[in-house]
C-alpha cells in the first residue's frame, strides 16, 4: 500500500480510519459516524411531490433522451418549493412567481425553460386526471433578446484572461461550431485523417468536420492522457453544466463580458464562416443545423454587410457619378 493511503471501515456508530504512517506502521483513528438527515416522508397522494414521482417513472419521461430527462429534472426541482401542496391547488400566480425568481437569478432563458417544461408536466398530469387544467399553458414567455455572440476582440481578451482549460473550450468551439454537450464529448479517437467525427447529441446528425490548420496546431499542443479533448483543471472530462458554471464564474470575475456563454461560440463560428463568403448550406454542413432559417438567424448581420458591399459595388457601375453633367 502506498504511503499515507487511507482505508475506512464502519463499525456501528463509529467510523474507523486506518492510515499507514511513514515508518510503515498502521494507526487507527475513530470518529463518530455522521448521521444522515431524516429522509423526506412520502408525499400524500395528489400532492406535487407525489405526482412528480409518478411522472418520473412514466413512459413519457423515461423514453426520452437522457439529456432531456436530466434537463427536465433540473427545472422541475423548482417545483419542490411547493412539494407538499396538492397539485390541483397550484395556480398561475404561483408559477409566475417561480418563473420570475428564476429570471432574476439566472436570466430569462432559464425562466422560459422552467415554464416550457412545467407546461409539459402539467399536460401529462392533465391527461392522467390529476388536474383539471394546465395553469402553465397561458403564461407568457419572457422576451430573451438576441444571443450575445463572441467577437474577435472577445476571443483576444479570453486568450489573455481565461485559464487554459476554458481557453481550449473557446478554441474548439470557434473552430468546430458545435454545441456545448458535443464539445464535452469529443474524444481524441474522433480525429480521423484531418477530420473530427461528431454525432450530435441533440439531432443525431453525423458530421465530419475538417480540422483547420490553426486548430491542428492547438490539438498537437493539447494532447494528454485523457480520452477527451477538453478537460477541466484536474484533467477530468468537462460536464456540460459544470462547464457553463465555470464560464459564468469567469464572466462574473470580469475575464469575459457578462452574458457570454459557450453557445455564443457557435454563433461566432457561423458568423466567421459567413464573413468568409460561405453559403448557408456550407455553414450548416459544419454546424449541423437542421434548418437553414436558424443559420440565417445566426449570420444575419454578417450576411447583410457582405451583401450590401456587393450591392454597392454593382450600383457604382450604373448610378450617376458627380462628375457627370447633363447636356
Foldseek 3Di string as FASTA:
>chain_A
DDAQDWDWDDDVQKIWIWTQHPVRDIDIDIDGDDDDDDDDDDADPQFQQNLVVVVCPDCVQPVDDPVVNVLLVVLCVLVVVRRRHRPQPDALVNLVVSLVVCCVVPNLVSSQSSLVSLQVSVVVCCVVVSYVDRRSPPDDRDDHPDQDADDPVLLVLLVVQPPPLLNLLLVVCQQQLEDLQQLLPFFPVQDDDQWGWTQHPPPRDTATHGGDPVNVVVQVVQDDDDRHSHDDPVRHGDDSVNQFVVVQVCCVVVSGPHSDGSNSSSLNNLQVCVLVPDDLVRSCNRNVDPDSVVSCVSNVVSNVVVVVVVVVVVVVVPDDDPVDDDD
